[in-house]
Amino acid sequence: MDKYMVSEAHLIPTPALLVFRECVEENIRRMGELLGGYSRLRPHIKTHKMAQVAKMEMAAGVDKFKCATPKEAAMLAALGVGDIMMSYHPVGAAIQRIVHVKRRYPQVDLSVIGDNEGALKALSEVCSSAGVEIGVLIDLNTGMDRTGAAPGEPSLTLAKMIQELAGLRFDGLHCYDGHVTNPNPEFRKRTAFHSIQKAVETKELIEASGLSVERLVASGSPAFEYTSQIPDVDEVSPGTWIFWDEGYGSKNPGQFEWAAMVLSSVISTPAPDLICLDAGNKSIAPDTPEPHFKVLGFPDDPEFVRRNEEHQVLRLPKGMPRPNVGDQFLLVPYHICTTVNLWDEACVIDADGCFSETWPVDARGH
């Protein structure tokens, strides 16, 4: 694939995380085309965690972001982003870190999500003592069963409580439909609509009580295209789309471009049909089914044999000539978000296939 040709790749020490700038630009363009602009897009930066990528999104017209950690929120605030939503439940010592971000950047409209009375009361106490106000969106459980308050009356009760707590402001509703991943587009669409309908009905219930629901934020990368068709959904907040990966790409091929990969070298050929790559668990996240990545240039998927911290042993597809030691391959992770978090920096490949610069993964870790 010509777009992924890397000139003088042998000069890049491997393993290495590569970001293809032109593909990132193309993904941003496609997202704007799908949504008719960027006014309803609140992209989740947990996938890239990079200030340089956030700047590219801002240059295209994105003016609000979603994140998962105080470190990510601080990175966005330092870039001048004025509207930041942290889609993670603040509990314990994390509350102090979030309040610190708000105190350091008082001009930022900072919000969090929550579903528990005790945790929200604790957040209220710290905010009140610090003299700051933070917005809260109720995290709704619309089918994923990971976090979230039950739709309907329980969420209405929670909204009324938030409205009365010092230092907090009821900002609306948030739901993540991570369970909407079926590879069949029609099935995925039905599941997405069924999920978001629970949020819409809850929004109507809360508004009927006299409270204003400032915004309803929903959807990850597999469902946002459908959810955005619902007028009551104010914002969609996908994350993986910016880099894409084989996990989503295999279910929805062609929607976005692979924009981040791992460059790996063959370091040994221990048997006629075996090769060992230098990209192990410390290079590509192992939180997906083996072999955790797609190899560009292979006629079929290789057989996963063994994986260690710095080694990846693969059995070659039948009939494939064995590569030589030193040969390099691009690996498309099945889960790019957790893979990026393993790296301190990325090698940026420009439109000519040249390694042009490095970008720090500014907000990696927690």
Protein backbone atom coordinates (compact mmCIF):
# COMPACT_ATOMS: atom_id res chain seq x y z
CA MET A 1 0.00 0.00 0.00
CA ASP A 2 1.77 3.12 -1.26
CA LYS A 3 0.39 5.41 1.45
CA TYR A 4 2.27 3.31 4.01
CA MET A 5 5.63 3.21 2.23
CA VAL A 6 8.29 4.55 4.58
CA SER A 7 11.43 5.90 2.92
CA GLU A 8 14.65 4.75 4.55
CA ALA A 9 12.72 2.92 7.25
CA HIS A 10 15.94 1.14 8.16
CA LEU A 11 17.12 4.41 9.73
CA ILE A 12 14.32 4.23 12.31
CA PRO A 13 15.31 2.16 15.34
CA THR A 14 12.71 -0.52 15.91
CA PRO A 15 10.31 -1.21 17.37
CA ALA A 16 8.80 2.23 16.81
CA LEU A 17 5.35 3.79 16.91
CA LEU A 18 4.67 5.53 13.60
CA VAL A 19 2.02 8.17 12.95
CA PHE A 20 1.12 8.88 9.33
CA ARG A 21 0.30 12.59 9.31
CA GLU A 22 -1.57 12.56 6.00
CA CYS A 23 -3.84 9.75 7.23
CA VAL A 24 -4.62 11.69 10.42
CA GLU A 25 -5.57 14.68 8.28
CA GLU A 26 -7.75 12.46 6.11
CA ASN A 27 -9.52 11.01 9.15
CA ILE A 28 -10.26 14.50 10.47
CA ARG A 29 -11.63 15.48 7.07
CA ARG A 30 -13.82 12.37 6.87
CA MET A 31 -15.19 12.98 10.36
CA GLY A 32 -16.21 16.50 9.41
CA GLU A 33 -17.84 15.17 6.27
CA LEU A 34 -19.79 12.51 8.18
CA LEU A 35 -21.06 15.01 10.76
CA GLY A 36 -21.53 18.00 8.46
CA GLY A 37 -18.87 19.93 10.34
CA TYR A 38 -17.38 19.76 13.81
CA SER A 39 -19.94 21.59 15.96
CA ARG A 40 -21.36 18.32 17.34
CA LEU A 41 -18.01 16.56 17.70
CA ARG A 42 -16.36 16.20 21.10
CA PRO A 43 -13.48 13.85 20.23
CA HIS A 44 -12.06 11.64 22.95
CA ILE A 45 -8.28 12.08 23.14
CA LYS A 46 -7.66 8.84 25.05
CA THR A 47 -6.60 7.25 21.76
CA HIS A 48 -3.79 9.60 20.77
CA LYS A 49 -2.91 11.48 24.00
CA MET A 50 -0.84 13.87 21.88
CA ALA A 51 -0.87 17.66 21.94
CA GLN A 52 0.17 17.76 18.27
CA VAL A 53 -2.86 15.70 17.20
CA ALA A 54 -5.19 17.80 19.35
CA LYS A 55 -3.79 20.88 17.61
CA MET A 56 -4.63 19.33 14.23
CA GLU A 57 -8.20 18.76 15.39
CA MET A 58 -8.43 22.32 16.70
CA ALA A 59 -7.10 23.72 13.43
CA ALA A 60 -9.92 21.91 11.63
CA GLY A 61 -12.55 23.52 13.84
CA VAL A 62 -12.91 21.28 16.90
CA ASP A 63 -13.46 23.44 20.00
CA LYS A 64 -14.36 20.92 22.72
CA PHE A 65 -12.83 17.64 23.81
CA LYS A 66 -13.40 14.59 25.96
CA CYS A 67 -10.70 12.88 28.01
CA ALA A 68 -10.29 10.17 30.63
CA THR A 69 -7.60 11.38 33.03
CA PRO A 70 -6.58 14.59 34.83
CA LYS A 71 -3.28 14.42 32.92
CA GLU A 72 -5.16 14.49 29.62
CA ALA A 73 -7.37 17.33 30.87
CA ALA A 74 -4.32 19.37 31.88
CA MET A 75 -2.72 18.82 28.46
CA LEU A 76 -5.85 20.11 26.72
CA ALA A 77 -6.17 23.09 29.05
CA ALA A 78 -2.54 24.05 28.40
CA LEU A 79 -3.35 24.09 24.67
CA GLY A 80 -6.09 26.63 25.26
CA VAL A 81 -9.09 24.33 24.94
CA GLY A 82 -12.01 26.05 26.66
CA ASP A 83 -14.45 23.13 27.05
CA ILE A 84 -13.16 19.85 28.49
CA MET A 85 -15.23 16.91 29.67
CA MET A 86 -13.55 14.19 31.69
CA SER A 87 -15.54 11.03 31.08
CA TYR A 88 -14.36 9.18 34.14
CA HIS A 89 -15.77 8.96 37.64
CA PRO A 90 -13.79 11.08 40.15
CA VAL A 91 -13.25 9.04 43.30
CA GLY A 92 -10.89 9.45 46.23
CA ALA A 93 -7.58 11.23 45.61
CA ALA A 94 -8.48 11.74 41.94
CA ILE A 95 -10.91 14.44 43.05
CA GLN A 96 -8.04 16.62 44.27
CA ARG A 97 -6.24 16.25 40.93
CA ILE A 98 -9.31 17.32 38.98
CA VAL A 99 -9.93 20.31 41.21
CA HIS A 100 -6.26 21.25 40.81
CA VAL A 101 -6.73 21.38 37.03
CA LYS A 102 -9.74 23.66 37.46
CA ARG A 103 -7.88 25.97 39.85
CA ARG A 104 -4.86 26.16 37.55
CA TYR A 105 -7.04 26.85 34.50
CA PRO A 106 -10.07 28.71 35.88
CA GLN A 107 -11.13 29.85 32.40
CA VAL A 108 -11.80 26.26 31.30
CA ASP A 109 -15.35 24.93 31.39
CA LEU A 110 -14.44 21.65 33.06
CA SER A 111 -16.95 18.87 33.59
CA VAL A 112 -16.91 15.26 34.80
CA ILE A 113 -19.34 12.35 34.82
CA GLY A 114 -20.82 10.57 37.82
CA ASP A 115 -23.40 8.01 38.91
CA ASN A 116 -22.96 7.74 42.68
CA GLU A 117 -24.37 10.04 45.36
CA GLY A 118 -21.51 9.53 47.81
CA ALA A 119 -18.79 10.22 45.23
CA LEU A 120 -20.58 13.34 43.98
CA LYS A 121 -21.03 14.66 47.52
CA ALA A 122 -17.29 14.16 48.10
CA LEU A 123 -16.57 16.06 44.87
CA SER A 124 -18.92 18.83 46.02
CA GLU A 125 -17.10 19.23 49.33
CA VAL A 126 -13.69 19.59 47.69
CA CYS A 127 -14.98 21.97 45.01
CA SER A 128 -16.75 24.09 47.60
CA SER A 129 -13.65 24.29 49.80
CA ALA A 130 -11.52 25.24 46.80
CA GLY A 131 -13.98 27.88 45.62
CA VAL A 132 -14.47 26.33 42.16
CA GLU A 133 -17.43 25.02 40.20
CA ILE A 134 -17.29 21.89 38.06
CA GLY A 135 -20.01 20.62 35.76
CA VAL A 136 -21.39 17.11 36.19
CA LEU A 137 -23.05 14.96 33.56
CA ILE A 138 -24.92 11.92 34.79
CA ASP A 139 -23.31 8.79 33.40
CA LEU A 140 -26.16 6.64 32.06
CA ASN A 141 -26.03 2.88 31.72
CA THR A 142 -27.76 2.27 28.39
CA GLY A 143 -26.66 -1.31 27.91
CA MET A 144 -22.93 -1.69 28.40
CA ASP A 145 -23.22 -2.51 32.11
CA ARG A 146 -19.80 -1.10 32.94
CA THR A 147 -20.73 2.09 34.78
CA GLY A 148 -23.71 4.40 34.90
CA ALA A 149 -26.95 5.19 36.68
CA ALA A 150 -30.12 3.50 35.55
CA PRO A 151 -32.12 5.55 33.04
CA GLY A 152 -35.39 7.12 34.10
CA GLU A 153 -36.33 7.97 37.67
CA PRO A 154 -32.97 7.06 39.30
CA SER A 155 -31.21 9.54 37.02
CA LEU A 156 -33.84 12.20 37.66
CA THR A 157 -33.24 11.83 41.40
CA LEU A 158 -29.50 12.14 40.84
CA ALA A 159 -29.93 15.24 38.67
CA LYS A 160 -31.97 16.98 41.37
CA MET A 161 -29.29 16.17 43.94
CA ILE A 162 -26.47 17.50 41.75
CA GLN A 163 -28.38 20.72 41.20
CA GLU A 164 -28.43 21.32 44.95
CA LEU A 165 -24.79 20.48 45.71
CA ALA A 166 -22.38 23.37 46.27
CA GLY A 167 -19.53 23.61 43.78
CA LEU A 168 -21.31 21.45 41.21
CA ARG A 169 -23.46 22.28 38.20
CA PHE A 170 -25.80 19.82 36.51
CA ASP A 171 -24.63 19.83 32.89
CA GLY A 172 -26.61 17.01 31.32
CA LEU A 173 -26.27 13.35 30.39
CA HIS A 174 -23.49 11.13 29.10
CA CYS A 175 -23.71 7.60 27.77
CA TYR A 176 -21.04 5.39 26.25
CA ASP A 177 -22.38 2.66 24.01
CA GLY A 178 -19.28 0.49 23.90
CA HIS A 179 -21.49 -2.59 23.57
CA VAL A 180 -22.52 -1.49 20.06
CA THR A 181 -19.81 -3.33 18.12
CA ASN A 182 -21.55 -5.92 15.96
CA PRO A 183 -19.88 -6.16 12.51
CA ASN A 184 -23.29 -6.19 10.81
CA PRO A 185 -24.11 -2.50 10.09
CA GLU A 186 -27.89 -2.96 10.35
CA PHE A 187 -27.62 -4.82 13.64
CA ARG A 188 -25.21 -2.20 14.94
CA LYS A 189 -27.57 0.58 13.89
CA ARG A 190 -30.55 -1.02 15.66
CA THR A 191 -28.54 -1.54 18.83
CA ALA A 192 -27.26 2.04 18.75
CA PHE A 193 -30.77 3.45 18.33
CA HIS A 194 -32.13 1.22 21.11
CA SER A 195 -29.33 2.36 23.41
CA ILE A 196 -29.67 6.08 22.75
CA GLN A 197 -33.46 5.98 23.07
CA LYS A 198 -33.03 5.25 26.79
CA ALA A 199 -30.95 8.41 27.12
CA VAL A 200 -33.42 10.50 25.11
CA GLU A 201 -36.33 9.36 27.29
CA THR A 202 -34.34 10.18 30.42
CA LYS A 203 -33.54 13.63 29.04
CA GLU A 204 -37.24 14.25 28.40
CA LEU A 205 -38.12 13.09 31.92
CA ILE A 206 -35.59 15.41 33.56
CA GLU A 207 -36.64 18.38 31.44
CA ALA A 208 -40.29 17.71 32.29
CA SER A 209 -39.35 18.11 35.96
CA GLY A 210 -38.15 21.64 35.27
CA LEU A 211 -34.41 21.01 35.11
CA SER A 212 -32.46 21.97 31.99
CA VAL A 213 -30.36 19.28 30.31
CA GLU A 214 -27.62 21.34 28.74
CA ARG A 215 -26.28 18.53 26.60
CA LEU A 216 -26.57 14.85 25.83
CA VAL A 217 -23.17 13.38 24.90
CA ALA A 218 -22.98 9.90 23.43
CA SER A 219 -21.22 7.22 21.45
CA GLY A 220 -17.88 5.73 20.64
CA SER A 221 -16.42 5.08 17.19
CA PRO A 222 -18.64 2.13 16.15
CA ALA A 223 -21.96 3.90 16.86
CA PHE A 224 -21.49 7.66 16.50
CA GLU A 225 -22.52 7.67 12.83
CA TYR A 226 -25.98 6.38 13.80
CA THR A 227 -26.39 8.22 17.09
CA SER A 228 -25.58 11.54 15.44
CA GLN A 229 -28.77 11.15 13.41
CA ILE A 230 -30.85 11.65 16.56
CA PRO A 231 -31.73 15.36 17.02
CA ASP A 232 -31.72 15.09 20.83
CA VAL A 233 -28.06 14.07 20.81
CA ASP A 234 -26.08 17.28 21.15
CA GLU A 235 -22.59 15.82 20.83
CA VAL A 236 -20.89 12.58 19.83
CA SER A 237 -17.54 11.67 21.37
CA PRO A 238 -15.67 8.90 19.51
CA GLY A 239 -11.95 8.39 20.05
CA THR A 240 -10.44 5.53 18.03
CA TRP A 241 -11.43 7.09 14.68
CA ILE A 242 -8.44 9.46 14.73
CA PHE A 243 -5.89 6.63 14.35
CA TRP A 244 -8.27 3.70 13.63
CA ASP A 245 -7.16 0.13 14.21
CA GLU A 246 -7.78 -3.39 13.00
CA GLY A 247 -10.21 -4.10 15.84
CA TYR A 248 -12.74 -1.64 14.46
CA GLY A 249 -11.41 -1.72 10.91
CA SER A 250 -12.16 -5.42 10.53
CA LYS A 251 -15.80 -4.76 11.47
CA ASN A 252 -16.23 -1.53 9.55
CA PRO A 253 -13.61 -1.54 6.78
CA GLY A 254 -12.84 1.66 4.94
CA GLN A 255 -14.59 4.13 7.23
CA PHE A 256 -11.29 5.64 8.38
CA GLU A 257 -7.60 5.22 7.54
CA TRP A 258 -5.08 3.38 9.68
CA ALA A 259 -2.98 6.31 10.87
CA ALA A 260 -0.77 4.76 13.57
CA MET A 261 1.19 1.52 13.40
CA VAL A 262 4.20 -0.17 14.93
CA LEU A 263 7.29 -0.66 12.78
CA SER A 264 9.01 -3.92 13.68
CA SER A 265 12.10 -5.82 12.50
CA VAL A 266 12.79 -9.52 12.12
CA ILE A 267 15.50 -10.29 14.66
CA SER A 268 15.69 -14.08 14.27
CA THR A 269 14.48 -16.96 12.07
CA PRO A 270 14.52 -19.94 14.46
CA ALA A 271 12.84 -22.39 12.04
CA PRO A 272 11.97 -22.52 8.31
CA ASP A 273 8.43 -21.30 8.98
CA LEU A 274 9.11 -19.14 12.05
CA ILE A 275 10.23 -15.55 12.50
CA CYS A 276 10.79 -13.52 15.64
CA LEU A 277 9.94 -9.82 15.62
CA ASP A 278 11.19 -7.20 18.07
CA ALA A 279 7.64 -5.99 18.92
CA GLY A 280 6.49 -7.80 22.05
CA ASN A 281 4.18 -6.91 24.93
CA LYS A 282 6.00 -3.62 25.51
CA SER A 283 5.30 -2.49 21.95
CA ILE A 284 1.76 -3.63 21.14
CA ALA A 285 -0.95 -3.98 23.76
CA PRO A 286 -1.94 -7.62 24.32
CA ASP A 287 -5.52 -6.89 25.42
CA THR A 288 -7.12 -8.34 22.28
CA PRO A 289 -7.21 -11.84 20.76
CA GLU A 290 -3.89 -13.18 19.47
CA PRO A 291 -1.85 -12.18 17.56
CA HIS A 292 -3.05 -8.65 18.53
CA PHE A 293 -2.17 -7.10 15.17
CA LYS A 294 -2.35 -7.39 11.38
CA VAL A 295 0.93 -7.58 9.43
CA LEU A 296 0.99 -5.50 6.27
CA GLY A 297 2.62 -7.38 3.43
CA PHE A 298 1.59 -10.84 4.63
CA PRO A 299 -0.80 -12.74 2.31
CA ASP A 300 -2.73 -14.09 5.33
CA ASP A 301 -2.68 -13.63 9.06
CA PRO A 302 0.28 -15.37 10.70
CA GLU A 303 -0.14 -17.93 13.44
CA PHE A 304 0.65 -16.60 16.88
CA VAL A 305 3.26 -18.80 18.57
CA ARG A 306 4.77 -16.98 21.51
CA ARG A 307 5.05 -13.49 22.88
CA ASN A 308 7.29 -11.97 25.55
CA GLU A 309 8.23 -8.48 26.60
CA GLU A 310 10.50 -7.79 23.60
CA HIS A 311 9.86 -10.81 21.35
CA GLN A 312 7.04 -11.90 19.06
CA VAL A 313 7.30 -15.32 17.41
CA LEU A 314 5.05 -15.96 14.41
CA ARG A 315 4.49 -18.95 12.16
CA LEU A 316 4.34 -17.81 8.56
CA PRO A 317 1.28 -18.38 6.36
CA LYS A 318 1.62 -21.57 4.32
CA GLY A 319 3.73 -21.07 1.20
CA MET A 320 5.10 -17.67 2.23
CA PRO A 321 8.87 -17.32 1.77
CA ARG A 322 10.63 -16.70 5.04
CA PRO A 323 11.78 -13.08 5.46
CA ASN A 324 15.38 -12.30 6.30
CA VAL A 325 16.74 -11.02 9.56
CA GLY A 326 16.58 -7.24 9.36
CA ASP A 327 13.46 -7.12 7.19
CA GLN A 328 10.85 -4.72 8.52
CA PHE A 329 7.06 -4.90 8.71
CA LEU A 330 4.28 -2.53 9.66
CA LEU A 331 1.96 -3.95 12.31
CA VAL A 332 -1.61 -2.62 12.59
CA PRO A 333 -2.71 -3.09 16.22
CA TYR A 334 -6.12 -4.49 17.00
CA HIS A 335 -6.32 -1.93 19.81
CA ILE A 336 -4.48 1.28 19.06
CA CYS A 337 -5.55 3.16 22.21
CA THR A 338 -3.75 0.90 24.66
CA THR A 339 -0.84 0.50 22.23
CA VAL A 340 -0.18 4.26 22.02
CA ASN A 341 -0.14 4.42 25.81
CA LEU A 342 2.96 2.16 25.81
CA TRP A 343 5.07 4.75 23.98
CA ASP A 344 6.83 7.97 25.01
CA GLU A 345 6.92 9.30 21.45
CA ALA A 346 5.85 8.62 17.90
CA CYS A 347 7.82 8.92 14.67
CA VAL A 348 5.83 11.08 12.26
CA ILE A 349 5.77 10.03 8.61
CA ASP A 350 4.96 12.81 6.13
CA ALA A 351 3.12 12.67 2.79
CA ASP A 352 6.34 11.68 1.00
CA GLY A 353 6.89 8.72 3.31
CA CYS A 354 9.76 10.44 5.13
CA PHE A 355 10.37 10.35 8.87
CA SER A 356 10.05 14.07 9.53
CA GLU A 357 9.86 14.54 13.30
CA THR A 358 8.85 12.97 16.60
CA TRP A 359 5.77 13.80 18.63
CA PRO A 360 5.66 13.13 22.36
CA VAL A 361 2.77 11.09 23.72
CA ASP A 362 2.25 13.91 26.20
CA ALA A 363 -0.51 12.42 28.36
CA ARG A 364 0.46 8.75 28.43
CA GLY A 365 -0.04 6.92 31.70
CA HIS A 366 -2.22 8.40 34.39
